[in-house]
Amino acid sequence: MPLYHFDLVNWKAVVDAGGADLADDIEAMNSADMIARSLLKRLPDLKNRHYAVLVTNEEGDEVCRLPLDVVHH
């Protein structure tokens, strides 16, 4: 299984949210959505401040960038 890495970012990495072995990019994007919803539930101030959950694969390539501003929790 490929390793995916998750970070909370704005114009730079803010928080390293760790990594996970997942089946594919779709599962990684679903995990990013769950992470974003959890972050907004705990830290609602992050909304409308240009934060995103950045997902990269084990080669360091960007898989997706999920802006917290578009997530409904």
PDB file of N, CA and C in Angstrom:
ATOM      1  N   MET A   1       0.837  -1.187   0.000  1.00  0.00           N
ATOM      2  CA  MET A   1       0.000   0.000   0.000  1.00  0.00           C
ATOM      3  C   MET A   1       0.875   1.241   0.000  1.00  0.00           C
ATOM      4  N   PRO A   2       0.485   2.232  -0.786  1.00  0.00           N
ATOM      5  CA  PRO A   2       1.258   3.478  -0.816  1.00  0.00           C
ATOM      6  C   PRO A   2       1.117   4.265   0.491  1.00  0.00           C
ATOM      7  N   LEU A   3       2.142   5.009   0.819  1.00  0.00           N
ATOM      8  CA  LEU A   3       2.138   5.873   1.997  1.00  0.00           C
ATOM      9  C   LEU A   3       1.738   7.275   1.559  1.00  0.00           C
ATOM     10  N   TYR A   4       0.782   7.872   2.254  1.00  0.00           N
ATOM     11  CA  TYR A   4       0.346   9.245   2.001  1.00  0.00           C
ATOM     12  C   TYR A   4       0.652  10.082   3.228  1.00  0.00           C
ATOM     13  N   HIS A   5       0.958  11.359   2.992  1.00  0.00           N
ATOM     14  CA  HIS A   5       1.311  12.274   4.076  1.00  0.00           C
ATOM     15  C   HIS A   5       0.311  13.424   4.079  1.00  0.00           C
ATOM     16  N   PHE A   6      -0.092  13.876   5.277  1.00  0.00           N
ATOM     17  CA  PHE A   6      -1.094  14.923   5.440  1.00  0.00           C
ATOM     18  C   PHE A   6      -0.503  16.078   6.237  1.00  0.00           C
ATOM     19  N   ASP A   7      -0.695  17.316   5.729  1.00  0.00           N
ATOM     20  CA  ASP A   7      -0.234  18.527   6.412  1.00  0.00           C
ATOM     21  C   ASP A   7      -1.338  19.571   6.391  1.00  0.00           C
ATOM     22  N   LEU A   8      -1.429  20.349   7.456  1.00  0.00           N
ATOM     23  CA  LEU A   8      -2.269  21.538   7.461  1.00  0.00           C
ATOM     24  C   LEU A   8      -1.379  22.666   6.972  1.00  0.00           C
ATOM     25  N   VAL A   9      -1.799  23.350   5.908  1.00  0.00           N
ATOM     26  CA  VAL A   9      -0.958  24.383   5.306  1.00  0.00           C
ATOM     27  C   VAL A   9      -1.765  25.661   5.070  1.00  0.00           C
ATOM     28  N   ASN A  10      -1.056  26.780   4.992  1.00  0.00           N
ATOM     29  CA  ASN A  10      -1.596  27.985   4.383  1.00  0.00           C
ATOM     30  C   ASN A  10      -0.593  28.317   3.289  1.00  0.00           C
ATOM     31  N   TRP A  11       0.293  29.240   3.435  1.00  0.00           N
ATOM     32  CA  TRP A  11       1.320  29.439   2.418  1.00  0.00           C
ATOM     33  C   TRP A  11       2.577  28.617   2.723  1.00  0.00           C
ATOM     34  N   LYS A  12       2.588  27.953   3.888  1.00  0.00           N
ATOM     35  CA  LYS A  12       3.674  27.060   4.284  1.00  0.00           C
ATOM     36  C   LYS A  12       3.077  25.964   5.157  1.00  0.00           C
ATOM     37  N   ALA A  13       3.825  24.919   5.401  1.00  0.00           N
ATOM     38  CA  ALA A  13       3.322  23.859   6.281  1.00  0.00           C
ATOM     39  C   ALA A  13       3.174  24.413   7.694  1.00  0.00           C
ATOM     40  N   VAL A  14       2.040  24.147   8.315  1.00  0.00           N
ATOM     41  CA  VAL A  14       1.771  24.631   9.660  1.00  0.00           C
ATOM     42  C   VAL A  14       1.816  23.476  10.649  1.00  0.00           C
ATOM     43  N   VAL A  15       1.107  22.397  10.333  1.00  0.00           N
ATOM     44  CA  VAL A  15       1.034  21.242  11.217  1.00  0.00           C
ATOM     45  C   VAL A  15       1.214  19.981  10.392  1.00  0.00           C
ATOM     46  N   ASP A  16       2.121  19.132  10.841  1.00  0.00           N
ATOM     47  CA  ASP A  16       2.299  17.828  10.226  1.00  0.00           C
ATOM     48  C   ASP A  16       1.274  16.901  10.850  1.00  0.00           C
ATOM     49  N   ALA A  17       0.306  16.461  10.052  1.00  0.00           N
ATOM     50  CA  ALA A  17      -0.762  15.601  10.581  1.00  0.00           C
ATOM     51  C   ALA A  17      -0.422  14.126  10.463  1.00  0.00           C
ATOM     52  N   GLY A  18       0.783  13.810  10.029  1.00  0.00           N
ATOM     53  CA  GLY A  18       1.202  12.420   9.975  1.00  0.00           C
ATOM     54  C   GLY A  18       0.969  11.776   8.625  1.00  0.00           C
ATOM     55  N   GLY A  19       1.153  10.470   8.611  1.00  0.00           N
ATOM     56  CA  GLY A  19       1.012   9.723   7.368  1.00  0.00           C
ATOM     57  C   GLY A  19       0.166   8.490   7.578  1.00  0.00           C
ATOM     58  N   ALA A  20      -0.207   7.880   6.460  1.00  0.00           N
ATOM     59  CA  ALA A  20      -1.030   6.668   6.526  1.00  0.00           C
ATOM     60  C   ALA A  20      -0.804   5.833   5.279  1.00  0.00           C
ATOM     61  N   ASP A  21      -0.767   4.518   5.457  1.00  0.00           N
ATOM     62  CA  ASP A  21      -0.742   3.595   4.331  1.00  0.00           C
ATOM     63  C   ASP A  21      -2.183   3.408   3.878  1.00  0.00           C
ATOM     64  N   LEU A  22      -2.478   3.816   2.648  1.00  0.00           N
ATOM     65  CA  LEU A  22      -3.842   3.742   2.125  1.00  0.00           C
ATOM     66  C   LEU A  22      -3.837   3.063   0.765  1.00  0.00           C
ATOM     67  N   ALA A  23      -4.990   2.576   0.352  1.00  0.00           N
ATOM     68  CA  ALA A  23      -5.099   1.800  -0.888  1.00  0.00           C
ATOM     69  C   ALA A  23      -4.795   2.630  -2.131  1.00  0.00           C
ATOM     70  N   ASP A  24      -5.294   3.881  -2.184  1.00  0.00           N
ATOM     71  CA  ASP A  24      -5.120   4.675  -3.405  1.00  0.00           C
ATOM     72  C   ASP A  24      -5.387   6.152  -3.121  1.00  0.00           C
ATOM     73  N   ASP A  25      -5.287   6.963  -4.190  1.00  0.00           N
ATOM     74  CA  ASP A  25      -5.484   8.409  -4.060  1.00  0.00           C
ATOM     75  C   ASP A  25      -6.886   8.752  -3.570  1.00  0.00           C
ATOM     76  N   ILE A  26      -7.896   8.006  -4.012  1.00  0.00           N
ATOM     77  CA  ILE A  26      -9.274   8.284  -3.600  1.00  0.00           C
ATOM     78  C   ILE A  26      -9.423   8.118  -2.093  1.00  0.00           C
ATOM     79  N   GLU A  27      -8.849   7.064  -1.551  1.00  0.00           N
ATOM     80  CA  GLU A  27      -8.907   6.847  -0.099  1.00  0.00           C
ATOM     81  C   GLU A  27      -8.154   7.962   0.630  1.00  0.00           C
ATOM     82  N   ALA A  28      -7.043   8.427   0.056  1.00  0.00           N
ATOM     83  CA  ALA A  28      -6.285   9.529   0.653  1.00  0.00           C
ATOM     84  C   ALA A  28      -7.112  10.812   0.656  1.00  0.00           C
ATOM     85  N   MET A  29      -7.847  11.080  -0.427  1.00  0.00           N
ATOM     86  CA  MET A  29      -8.706  12.272  -0.490  1.00  0.00           C
ATOM     87  C   MET A  29      -9.844  12.169   0.517  1.00  0.00           C
ATOM     88  N   ASN A  30     -10.410  10.987   0.683  1.00  0.00           N
ATOM     89  CA  ASN A  30     -11.459  10.794   1.688  1.00  0.00           C
ATOM     90  C   ASN A  30     -10.913  11.021   3.092  1.00  0.00           C
ATOM     91  N   SER A  31      -9.680  10.578   3.333  1.00  0.00           N
ATOM     92  CA  SER A  31      -9.043  10.805   4.637  1.00  0.00           C
ATOM     93  C   SER A  31      -8.804  12.292   4.866  1.00  0.00           C
ATOM     94  N   ALA A  32      -8.408  13.013   3.819  1.00  0.00           N
ATOM     95  CA  ALA A  32      -8.207  14.464   3.934  1.00  0.00           C
ATOM     96  C   ALA A  32      -9.512  15.142   4.325  1.00  0.00           C
ATOM     97  N   ASP A  33     -10.629  14.695   3.748  1.00  0.00           N
ATOM     98  CA  ASP A  33     -11.929  15.258   4.087  1.00  0.00           C
ATOM     99  C   ASP A  33     -12.257  15.012   5.564  1.00  0.00           C
ATOM    100  N   MET A  34     -12.003  13.802   6.052  1.00  0.00           N
ATOM    101  CA  MET A  34     -12.267  13.492   7.460  1.00  0.00           C
ATOM    102  C   MET A  34     -11.374  14.320   8.378  1.00  0.00           C
ATOM    103  N   ILE A  35     -10.106  14.495   8.003  1.00  0.00           N
ATOM    104  CA  ILE A  35      -9.180  15.309   8.799  1.00  0.00           C
ATOM    105  C   ILE A  35      -9.668  16.757   8.833  1.00  0.00           C
ATOM    106  N   ALA A  36     -10.073  17.287   7.671  1.00  0.00           N
ATOM    107  CA  ALA A  36     -10.542  18.674   7.596  1.00  0.00           C
ATOM    108  C   ALA A  36     -11.776  18.883   8.469  1.00  0.00           C
ATOM    109  N   ARG A  37     -12.729  17.961   8.406  1.00  0.00           N
ATOM    110  CA  ARG A  37     -13.945  18.077   9.223  1.00  0.00           C
ATOM    111  C   ARG A  37     -13.609  18.031  10.717  1.00  0.00           C
ATOM    112  N   SER A  38     -12.696  17.149  11.088  1.00  0.00           N
ATOM    113  CA  SER A  38     -12.292  17.034  12.482  1.00  0.00           C
ATOM    114  C   SER A  38     -11.598  18.313  12.961  1.00  0.00           C
ATOM    115  N   LEU A  39     -10.715  18.865  12.123  1.00  0.00           N
ATOM    116  CA  LEU A  39     -10.028  20.110  12.476  1.00  0.00           C
ATOM    117  C   LEU A  39     -11.022  21.242  12.689  1.00  0.00           C
ATOM    118  N   LEU A  40     -11.986  21.366  11.776  1.00  0.00           N
ATOM    119  CA  LEU A  40     -12.954  22.462  11.880  1.00  0.00           C
ATOM    120  C   LEU A  40     -13.879  22.302  13.076  1.00  0.00           C
ATOM    121  N   LYS A  41     -14.148  21.062  13.441  1.00  0.00           N
ATOM    122  CA  LYS A  41     -14.989  20.834  14.620  1.00  0.00           C
ATOM    123  C   LYS A  41     -14.260  21.297  15.880  1.00  0.00           C
ATOM    124  N   ARG A  42     -12.954  20.976  15.950  1.00  0.00           N
ATOM    125  CA  ARG A  42     -12.158  21.345  17.133  1.00  0.00           C
ATOM    126  C   ARG A  42     -11.682  22.787  17.088  1.00  0.00           C
ATOM    127  N   LEU A  43     -11.382  23.293  15.884  1.00  0.00           N
ATOM    128  CA  LEU A  43     -10.797  24.630  15.734  1.00  0.00           C
ATOM    129  C   LEU A  43     -11.550  25.420  14.662  1.00  0.00           C
ATOM    130  N   PRO A  44     -12.768  25.857  14.950  1.00  0.00           N
ATOM    131  CA  PRO A  44     -13.571  26.554  13.934  1.00  0.00           C
ATOM    132  C   PRO A  44     -12.930  27.844  13.425  1.00  0.00           C
ATOM    133  N   ASP A  45     -11.984  28.418  14.170  1.00  0.00           N
ATOM    134  CA  ASP A  45     -11.293  29.647  13.727  1.00  0.00           C
ATOM    135  C   ASP A  45     -10.498  29.436  12.439  1.00  0.00           C
ATOM    136  N   LEU A  46     -10.200  28.189  12.092  1.00  0.00           N
ATOM    137  CA  LEU A  46      -9.425  27.926  10.876  1.00  0.00           C
ATOM    138  C   LEU A  46     -10.209  28.247   9.603  1.00  0.00           C
ATOM    139  N   LYS A  47     -11.529  28.287   9.695  1.00  0.00           N
ATOM    140  CA  LYS A  47     -12.376  28.579   8.538  1.00  0.00           C
ATOM    141  C   LYS A  47     -12.135  30.010   8.077  1.00  0.00           C
ATOM    142  N   ASN A  48     -12.146  30.215   6.776  1.00  0.00           N
ATOM    143  CA  ASN A  48     -11.973  31.537   6.150  1.00  0.00           C
ATOM    144  C   ASN A  48     -10.614  32.172   6.436  1.00  0.00           C
ATOM    145  N   ARG A  49      -9.606  31.342   6.651  1.00  0.00           N
ATOM    146  CA  ARG A  49      -8.248  31.860   6.890  1.00  0.00           C
ATOM    147  C   ARG A  49      -7.251  31.234   5.926  1.00  0.00           C
ATOM    148  N   HIS A  50      -7.748  30.670   4.827  1.00  0.00           N
ATOM    149  CA  HIS A  50      -6.906  30.142   3.741  1.00  0.00           C
ATOM    150  C   HIS A  50      -6.075  28.925   4.125  1.00  0.00           C
ATOM    151  N   TYR A  51      -6.584  28.109   5.042  1.00  0.00           N
ATOM    152  CA  TYR A  51      -5.912  26.860   5.392  1.00  0.00           C
ATOM    153  C   TYR A  51      -6.419  25.744   4.494  1.00  0.00           C
ATOM    154  N   ALA A  52      -5.585  24.725   4.328  1.00  0.00           N
ATOM    155  CA  ALA A  52      -5.960  23.554   3.530  1.00  0.00           C
ATOM    156  C   ALA A  52      -5.263  22.329   4.095  1.00  0.00           C
ATOM    157  N   VAL A  53      -5.846  21.172   3.836  1.00  0.00           N
ATOM    158  CA  VAL A  53      -5.176  19.910   4.129  1.00  0.00           C
ATOM    159  C   VAL A  53      -4.487  19.486   2.838  1.00  0.00           C
ATOM    160  N   LEU A  54      -3.182  19.381   2.886  1.00  0.00           N
ATOM    161  CA  LEU A  54      -2.369  18.993   1.737  1.00  0.00           C
ATOM    162  C   LEU A  54      -2.043  17.512   1.858  1.00  0.00           C
ATOM    163  N   VAL A  55      -2.321  16.764   0.793  1.00  0.00           N
ATOM    164  CA  VAL A  55      -2.015  15.336   0.751  1.00  0.00           C
ATOM    165  C   VAL A  55      -0.930  15.119  -0.290  1.00  0.00           C
ATOM    166  N   THR A  56       0.150  14.461   0.122  1.00  0.00           N
ATOM    167  CA  THR A  56       1.225  14.107  -0.808  1.00  0.00           C
ATOM    168  C   THR A  56       1.453  12.602  -0.743  1.00  0.00           C
ATOM    169  N   ASN A  57       1.969  12.067  -1.839  1.00  0.00           N
ATOM    170  CA  ASN A  57       2.275  10.631  -1.852  1.00  0.00           C
ATOM    171  C   ASN A  57       3.699  10.406  -1.371  1.00  0.00           C
ATOM    172  N   GLU A  58       4.133   9.153  -1.370  1.00  0.00           N
ATOM    173  CA  GLU A  58       5.457   8.841  -0.814  1.00  0.00           C
ATOM    174  C   GLU A  58       6.598   9.432  -1.625  1.00  0.00           C
ATOM    175  N   GLU A  59       6.340   9.826  -2.881  1.00  0.00           N
ATOM    176  CA  GLU A  59       7.364  10.492  -3.688  1.00  0.00           C
ATOM    177  C   GLU A  59       7.379  12.006  -3.447  1.00  0.00           C
ATOM    178  N   GLY A  60       6.412  12.504  -2.660  1.00  0.00           N
ATOM    179  CA  GLY A  60       6.331  13.932  -2.379  1.00  0.00           C
ATOM    180  C   GLY A  60       5.461  14.694  -3.362  1.00  0.00           C
ATOM    181  N   ASP A  61       4.808  13.977  -4.297  1.00  0.00           N
ATOM    182  CA  ASP A  61       3.925  14.629  -5.265  1.00  0.00           C
ATOM    183  C   ASP A  61       2.592  14.966  -4.602  1.00  0.00           C
ATOM    184  N   GLU A  62       2.049  16.138  -4.935  1.00  0.00           N
ATOM    185  CA  GLU A  62       0.753  16.540  -4.389  1.00  0.00           C
ATOM    186  C   GLU A  62      -0.359  15.690  -4.995  1.00  0.00           C
ATOM    187  N   VAL A  63      -1.175  15.098  -4.127  1.00  0.00           N
ATOM    188  CA  VAL A  63      -2.343  14.318  -4.551  1.00  0.00           C
ATOM    189  C   VAL A  63      -3.571  15.218  -4.556  1.00  0.00           C
ATOM    190  N   CYS A  64      -3.736  16.002  -3.500  1.00  0.00           N
ATOM    191  CA  CYS A  64      -4.825  16.979  -3.447  1.00  0.00           C
ATOM    192  C   CYS A  64      -4.528  18.008  -2.374  1.00  0.00           C
ATOM    193  N   ARG A  65      -5.245  19.117  -2.491  1.00  0.00           N
ATOM    194  CA  ARG A  65      -5.184  20.203  -1.506  1.00  0.00           C
ATOM    195  C   ARG A  65      -6.635  20.572  -1.237  1.00  0.00           C
ATOM    196  N   LEU A  66      -7.111  20.255  -0.036  1.00  0.00           N
ATOM    197  CA  LEU A  66      -8.518  20.473   0.314  1.00  0.00           C
ATOM    198  C   LEU A  66      -8.634  21.729   1.170  1.00  0.00           C
ATOM    199  N   PRO A  67      -9.111  22.839   0.589  1.00  0.00           N
ATOM    200  CA  PRO A  67      -9.269  24.084   1.367  1.00  0.00           C
ATOM    201  C   PRO A  67     -10.321  23.905   2.461  1.00  0.00           C
ATOM    202  N   LEU A  68     -10.001  24.316   3.674  1.00  0.00           N
ATOM    203  CA  LEU A  68     -10.960  24.212   4.774  1.00  0.00           C
ATOM    204  C   LEU A  68     -12.173  25.120   4.540  1.00  0.00           C
ATOM    205  N   ASP A  69     -11.990  26.161   3.740  1.00  0.00           N
ATOM    206  CA  ASP A  69     -13.087  27.084   3.473  1.00  0.00           C
ATOM    207  C   ASP A  69     -14.242  26.437   2.730  1.00  0.00           C
ATOM    208  N   VAL A  70     -14.019  25.328   2.032  1.00  0.00           N
ATOM    209  CA  VAL A  70     -15.090  24.669   1.257  1.00  0.00           C
ATOM    210  C   VAL A  70     -15.692  23.470   1.971  1.00  0.00           C
ATOM    211  N   VAL A  71     -15.156  23.130   3.143  1.00  0.00           N
ATOM    212  CA  VAL A  71     -15.618  21.951   3.884  1.00  0.00           C
ATOM    213  C   VAL A  71     -16.785  22.341   4.781  1.00  0.00           C
ATOM    214  N   HIS A  72     -17.841  21.554   4.720  1.00  0.00           N
ATOM    215  CA  HIS A  72     -18.990  21.748   5.604  1.00  0.00           C
ATOM    216  C   HIS A  72     -18.909  20.703   6.704  1.00  0.00           C
ATOM    217  N   HIS A  73     -18.927  21.149   7.959  1.00  0.00           N
ATOM    218  CA  HIS A  73     -18.832  20.197   9.069  1.00  0.00           C
ATOM    219  C   HIS A  73     -20.093  20.131   9.864  1.00  0.00           C
TER     220      HIS A  73
END
